[in-house]
N, C-alpha and C. Protein backbone atom coordinates (compact mmCIF):
# COMPACT_ATOMS: atom_id res chain seq x y z
N VAL A 1 85.36 171.35 51.16
CA VAL A 1 85.93 172.72 50.48
C VAL A 1 85.89 173.35 48.82
N SER A 2 85.07 172.48 48.20
CA SER A 2 84.38 173.13 47.26
C SER A 2 83.84 174.47 47.31
N PRO A 3 83.51 174.98 45.68
CA PRO A 3 83.35 175.87 45.69
C PRO A 3 82.21 176.27 46.34
N MET A 4 81.69 177.56 46.80
CA MET A 4 79.64 177.35 46.97
C MET A 4 78.91 177.22 46.87
N PHE A 5 79.41 177.63 45.20
CA PHE A 5 78.29 178.47 43.94
C PHE A 5 78.17 177.14 43.10
N HIS A 6 78.99 175.59 43.71
CA HIS A 6 78.27 174.67 42.70
C HIS A 6 77.99 173.42 44.13
N LEU A 7 77.08 173.20 43.51
CA LEU A 7 76.56 171.63 43.30
C LEU A 7 77.24 170.37 44.75
N ALA A 8 79.01 170.60 44.49
CA ALA A 8 79.75 170.04 44.82
C ALA A 8 79.59 170.59 46.40
N ASP A 9 79.67 171.86 47.04
CA ASP A 9 79.46 171.88 47.60
C ASP A 9 78.15 172.33 48.17
N LEU A 10 77.22 172.90 47.49
CA LEU A 10 75.72 172.77 47.74
C LEU A 10 74.55 170.82 48.55
N GLY A 11 75.08 170.53 48.05
CA GLY A 11 74.59 169.42 47.65
C GLY A 11 74.72 168.71 49.74
N PRO A 12 76.13 168.85 49.98
CA PRO A 12 76.51 168.52 51.20
C PRO A 12 76.43 169.53 52.41
N CYS A 13 76.36 170.91 51.70
CA CYS A 13 75.60 171.86 51.92
C CYS A 13 74.19 171.83 53.25
N TRP A 14 73.48 171.06 52.29
CA TRP A 14 72.32 171.18 52.62
C TRP A 14 71.77 169.99 53.92
N ALA A 15 72.33 168.87 52.98
CA ALA A 15 72.44 167.40 54.14
C ALA A 15 72.87 168.28 55.25
N THR A 16 74.08 168.45 55.58
CA THR A 16 74.99 169.15 56.95
C THR A 16 73.83 169.39 57.01
N THR A 17 73.22 169.79 57.09
CA THR A 17 72.41 171.57 57.55
C THR A 17 70.87 170.47 58.53
N ALA A 18 70.19 170.16 57.23
CA ALA A 18 69.01 168.94 57.16
C ALA A 18 69.63 167.68 58.32
N LEU A 19 70.14 167.66 58.88
CA LEU A 19 70.78 166.60 59.70
C LEU A 19 71.97 167.59 61.32
N LEU A 20 71.20 168.24 61.05
CA LEU A 20 71.67 169.42 61.79
C LEU A 20 72.88 168.91 62.33
N GLY A 21 74.16 168.31 61.86
CA GLY A 21 75.77 169.20 61.46
C GLY A 21 76.53 170.57 62.07
N THR A 22 77.32 170.52 61.77
CA THR A 22 78.37 171.86 61.94
C THR A 22 78.79 171.26 60.24
N HIS A 23 78.58 172.94 59.91
CA HIS A 23 80.17 173.21 59.10
C HIS A 23 80.46 173.55 59.14
N VAL A 24 81.71 173.11 58.04
CA VAL A 24 83.28 173.82 58.65
C VAL A 24 83.25 174.42 57.01
N TRP A 25 84.11 175.32 57.24
CA TRP A 25 84.26 175.61 55.45
C TRP A 25 85.94 176.12 55.67
N LEU A 26 86.61 175.61 54.51
CA LEU A 26 87.22 176.49 53.82
C LEU A 26 87.73 177.61 53.32
N PRO A 27 88.77 178.12 52.95
CA PRO A 27 88.41 179.89 52.45
C PRO A 27 89.14 179.61 50.87
N ARG A 28 89.89 178.42 51.04
CA ARG A 28 90.18 177.65 49.76
C ARG A 28 91.47 176.87 49.82
N PHE A 29 91.45 175.57 49.24
CA PHE A 29 92.25 174.48 49.65
C PHE A 29 93.83 174.55 49.61
N THR A 30 93.99 173.82 51.33
CA THR A 30 95.25 173.08 50.53
C THR A 30 95.09 172.26 51.74
N VAL A 31 96.35 170.68 51.59
CA VAL A 31 95.70 170.44 52.58
C VAL A 31 96.20 170.30 53.64
N PRO A 32 97.64 170.72 53.92
CA PRO A 32 97.59 171.36 54.96
C PRO A 32 95.68 171.80 55.94
N ASP A 33 95.39 173.31 55.10
CA ASP A 33 94.66 173.50 55.74
C ASP A 33 93.06 172.65 56.23
N LEU A 34 92.95 171.60 55.31
CA LEU A 34 92.45 170.72 55.11
C LEU A 34 92.17 169.72 56.93
N LEU A 35 93.87 168.79 56.60
CA LEU A 35 94.24 168.75 58.04
C LEU A 35 93.23 168.91 59.03
N ASP A 36 94.20 169.55 59.12
CA ASP A 36 94.22 170.81 60.00
C ASP A 36 93.45 170.51 60.87
N HIS A 37 92.10 170.99 60.16
CA HIS A 37 91.19 171.33 60.23
C HIS A 37 89.74 170.47 60.39
N LEU A 38 89.98 169.13 59.58
CA LEU A 38 89.38 168.14 59.78
C LEU A 38 89.97 166.95 61.45
N ASP A 39 91.51 167.71 61.78
CA ASP A 39 91.78 167.24 62.86
C ASP A 39 90.50 168.07 63.96
N THR A 40 90.79 169.38 63.85
CA THR A 40 90.63 170.37 64.98
C THR A 40 89.51 170.46 65.38
N HIS A 41 88.93 170.16 64.31
CA HIS A 41 87.20 170.03 64.78
C HIS A 41 86.85 168.78 64.08
N GLY A 42 87.32 167.86 64.28
CA GLY A 42 86.46 166.27 64.39
C GLY A 42 85.55 166.36 63.22
N CYS A 43 86.40 166.67 62.11
CA CYS A 43 84.96 166.13 60.96
C CYS A 43 84.61 164.91 61.08
N SER A 44 83.66 164.77 59.93
CA SER A 44 83.25 163.25 59.82
C SER A 44 83.04 163.02 58.53
N ALA A 45 82.94 164.21 58.02
CA ALA A 45 82.84 163.68 56.64
C ALA A 45 83.53 165.17 56.04
N THR A 46 83.96 164.79 54.24
CA THR A 46 84.42 165.75 53.53
C THR A 46 84.08 165.75 51.79
N ALA A 47 83.87 165.92 51.48
CA ALA A 47 83.53 166.23 49.31
C ALA A 47 84.62 166.87 49.34
N LEU A 48 85.39 165.98 48.19
CA LEU A 48 86.67 166.18 47.57
C LEU A 48 86.44 166.32 45.52
N VAL A 49 87.63 166.40 44.97
CA VAL A 49 87.17 166.28 43.97
C VAL A 49 88.68 164.85 44.22
N PRO A 50 88.67 164.53 42.89
CA PRO A 50 89.95 163.34 42.30
C PRO A 50 91.11 163.92 42.46
N SER A 51 91.63 165.10 42.41
CA SER A 51 92.55 165.60 42.48
C SER A 51 92.85 166.10 43.63
N MET A 52 92.75 166.89 44.50
CA MET A 52 92.32 167.18 45.52
C MET A 52 92.83 165.25 47.49
N ILE A 53 91.99 164.70 46.31
CA ILE A 53 92.02 163.26 46.99
C ILE A 53 93.33 162.58 46.81
N ALA A 54 93.75 162.85 45.88
CA ALA A 54 95.64 162.19 44.92
C ALA A 54 96.33 163.45 46.55
N MET A 55 96.33 164.56 45.85
CA MET A 55 96.85 165.29 46.96
C MET A 55 97.51 164.87 48.84
N LEU A 56 95.15 164.57 49.09
CA LEU A 56 95.32 163.81 50.44
C LEU A 56 95.89 162.66 50.78
N LEU A 57 96.25 161.84 49.86
CA LEU A 57 96.45 160.50 49.94
C LEU A 57 98.25 160.52 49.85
N ASP A 58 98.31 161.62 48.72
CA ASP A 58 100.06 162.07 49.21
C ASP A 58 101.10 162.49 50.25
N GLU A 59 99.69 163.77 50.96
CA GLU A 59 100.28 164.16 52.20
C GLU A 59 100.41 163.21 53.44
N LEU A 60 98.86 161.99 53.51
CA LEU A 60 99.30 161.36 54.64
C LEU A 60 99.55 159.98 54.12
N ALA A 61 100.45 159.87 53.40
CA ALA A 61 101.62 159.05 53.09
C ALA A 61 102.81 159.75 53.16
N ARG A 62 103.32 160.51 53.44
CA ARG A 62 104.35 161.53 53.65
C ARG A 62 104.05 161.43 55.74
N THR A 63 103.32 162.05 55.58
CA THR A 63 103.05 163.14 57.18
C THR A 63 101.76 162.09 57.52
N PRO A 64 101.95 159.85 57.98
CA PRO A 64 100.22 160.00 58.72
C PRO A 64 99.66 160.57 59.89
N ARG A 65 98.41 160.71 59.55
CA ARG A 65 97.48 161.04 60.51
C ARG A 65 96.37 159.72 60.91
N ALA A 66 95.71 160.22 62.37
CA ALA A 66 94.92 159.13 62.15
C ALA A 66 93.29 159.52 61.92
N LEU A 67 92.98 160.95 61.78
CA LEU A 67 91.52 161.38 61.59
C LEU A 67 90.90 160.09 62.47
N PRO A 68 90.28 160.31 62.95
CA PRO A 68 90.16 159.12 63.87
C PRO A 68 87.80 159.55 63.45
N ALA A 69 88.10 160.79 63.28
CA ALA A 69 86.30 161.28 63.44
C ALA A 69 86.38 161.21 61.75
N LEU A 70 86.45 160.88 61.16
CA LEU A 70 86.32 161.55 59.17
C LEU A 70 85.70 159.18 59.06
N ARG A 71 84.71 159.89 58.77
CA ARG A 71 83.29 158.40 57.96
C ARG A 71 83.31 158.66 56.67
N HIS A 72 82.75 159.86 56.73
CA HIS A 72 82.73 159.48 54.64
C HIS A 72 83.60 161.01 54.07
N ILE A 73 83.45 160.37 52.91
CA ILE A 73 84.19 161.56 52.42
C ILE A 73 83.11 161.35 50.25
N GLY A 74 82.87 161.94 49.86
CA GLY A 74 82.45 161.97 48.93
C GLY A 74 83.35 162.83 47.84
N TYR A 75 82.80 162.02 46.96
CA TYR A 75 83.88 162.94 45.38
C TYR A 75 83.15 163.16 44.28
N GLY A 76 83.58 163.01 43.63
CA GLY A 76 83.23 163.70 41.64
C GLY A 76 83.47 165.01 41.44
N ALA A 77 82.74 165.59 40.65
CA ALA A 77 83.34 166.82 40.05
C ALA A 77 83.87 166.20 38.13
N ALA A 78 84.65 165.20 38.58
CA ALA A 78 85.71 164.39 37.78
C ALA A 78 85.76 162.88 37.69
N ALA A 79 86.06 162.33 36.94
CA ALA A 79 86.54 161.10 36.78
C ALA A 79 87.13 160.40 37.75
N ILE A 80 86.60 159.52 38.63
CA ILE A 80 87.99 159.12 39.29
C ILE A 80 88.62 157.52 38.97
N GLY A 81 89.64 158.19 37.99
CA GLY A 81 90.76 156.42 38.36
C GLY A 81 90.30 155.70 39.11
N ARG A 82 90.65 154.28 38.37
CA ARG A 82 90.32 152.93 39.90
C ARG A 82 92.03 152.79 40.47
N PRO A 83 93.49 153.54 39.76
CA PRO A 83 94.03 153.01 41.37
C PRO A 83 94.28 153.98 42.48
N LEU A 84 93.57 155.23 41.42
CA LEU A 84 93.22 156.49 43.19
C LEU A 84 91.98 156.09 43.85
N LEU A 85 91.54 155.08 42.81
CA LEU A 85 89.47 154.44 44.65
C LEU A 85 90.26 153.44 45.56
N GLU A 86 91.44 152.52 45.01
CA GLU A 86 92.32 151.64 45.38
C GLU A 86 92.91 151.98 46.68
N ARG A 87 94.30 153.33 46.42
CA ARG A 87 94.29 154.15 47.12
C ARG A 87 93.84 154.02 48.40
N LEU A 88 92.84 154.99 47.76
CA LEU A 88 91.46 155.51 49.23
C LEU A 88 90.46 154.88 50.12
N ARG A 89 90.65 154.05 49.04
CA ARG A 89 89.90 152.89 50.08
C ARG A 89 91.44 151.86 50.89
N ALA A 90 92.64 151.65 50.51
CA ALA A 90 92.96 150.66 51.42
C ALA A 90 93.47 151.78 52.99
N ARG A 91 93.79 153.19 51.80
CA ARG A 91 93.78 154.32 53.41
C ARG A 91 93.28 154.19 54.33
N PHE A 92 91.88 154.38 53.88
CA PHE A 92 90.45 154.38 54.95
C PHE A 92 89.69 153.45 54.44
N PRO A 93 89.95 151.82 54.83
CA PRO A 93 89.78 150.80 54.59
C PRO A 93 87.88 150.58 54.44
N ASP A 94 87.68 151.61 56.25
CA ASP A 94 85.98 151.68 56.78
C ASP A 94 85.47 152.78 56.46
N ILE A 95 85.33 153.96 55.53
CA ILE A 95 85.26 154.77 55.38
C ILE A 95 84.03 154.35 54.34
N ALA A 96 83.01 155.53 54.34
CA ALA A 96 82.02 155.43 53.10
C ALA A 96 81.97 156.14 52.13
N LEU A 97 82.77 155.81 51.17
CA LEU A 97 82.20 156.85 49.64
C LEU A 97 81.39 156.79 48.92
N VAL A 98 81.18 158.07 48.79
CA VAL A 98 79.71 158.45 47.62
C VAL A 98 80.97 159.09 46.56
N GLN A 99 79.77 158.65 45.18
CA GLN A 99 80.84 158.89 44.10
C GLN A 99 79.41 160.21 44.08
N PHE A 100 79.19 161.79 44.13
CA PHE A 100 78.14 162.39 43.35
C PHE A 100 78.19 162.45 42.16
N TYR A 101 77.67 163.27 41.16
CA TYR A 101 77.62 163.64 40.48
C TYR A 101 76.17 164.42 39.82
N GLY A 102 76.45 166.08 39.61
CA GLY A 102 74.90 166.73 39.79
C GLY A 102 75.60 167.65 38.51
N GLN A 103 75.08 168.19 37.73
CA GLN A 103 74.82 169.30 36.86
C GLN A 103 74.69 171.06 37.67
N THR A 104 75.34 171.68 38.44
CA THR A 104 74.93 172.85 38.87
C THR A 104 73.67 173.54 38.49
N GLU A 105 74.36 173.80 37.00
CA GLU A 105 73.33 173.97 36.24
C GLU A 105 71.66 174.06 36.01
N ALA A 106 71.91 172.27 35.71
CA ALA A 106 70.57 171.87 36.17
C ALA A 106 69.70 171.79 37.35
N GLY A 107 70.10 171.59 37.83
CA GLY A 107 69.85 172.27 39.77
C GLY A 107 70.32 170.58 40.84
N GLY A 108 71.05 169.73 39.50
CA GLY A 108 71.76 168.62 40.44
C GLY A 108 70.07 167.40 39.69
């Protein structure tokens, strides 16, 4: 769901390709679209920024979904506060969380 010109998308894109995975892109980020794509396509991984994570967790608190295929969430582009990280870990205790950092202009 990250912009395709940025390493937040390019890094996971290259990794998914290298692992022979299937790509699913959203034309723009909305939580309902993200949840629908995660469910419909059985997505196992996504990359989000902290504000997207907060919106996702808020929506899941209102309308719970199991998201059984989701196994990995990468996050970055901004610092993530401890309370948000704890909420994320509480909601998805078995999911691998990976914080990433890279300057697109420096090649990551």
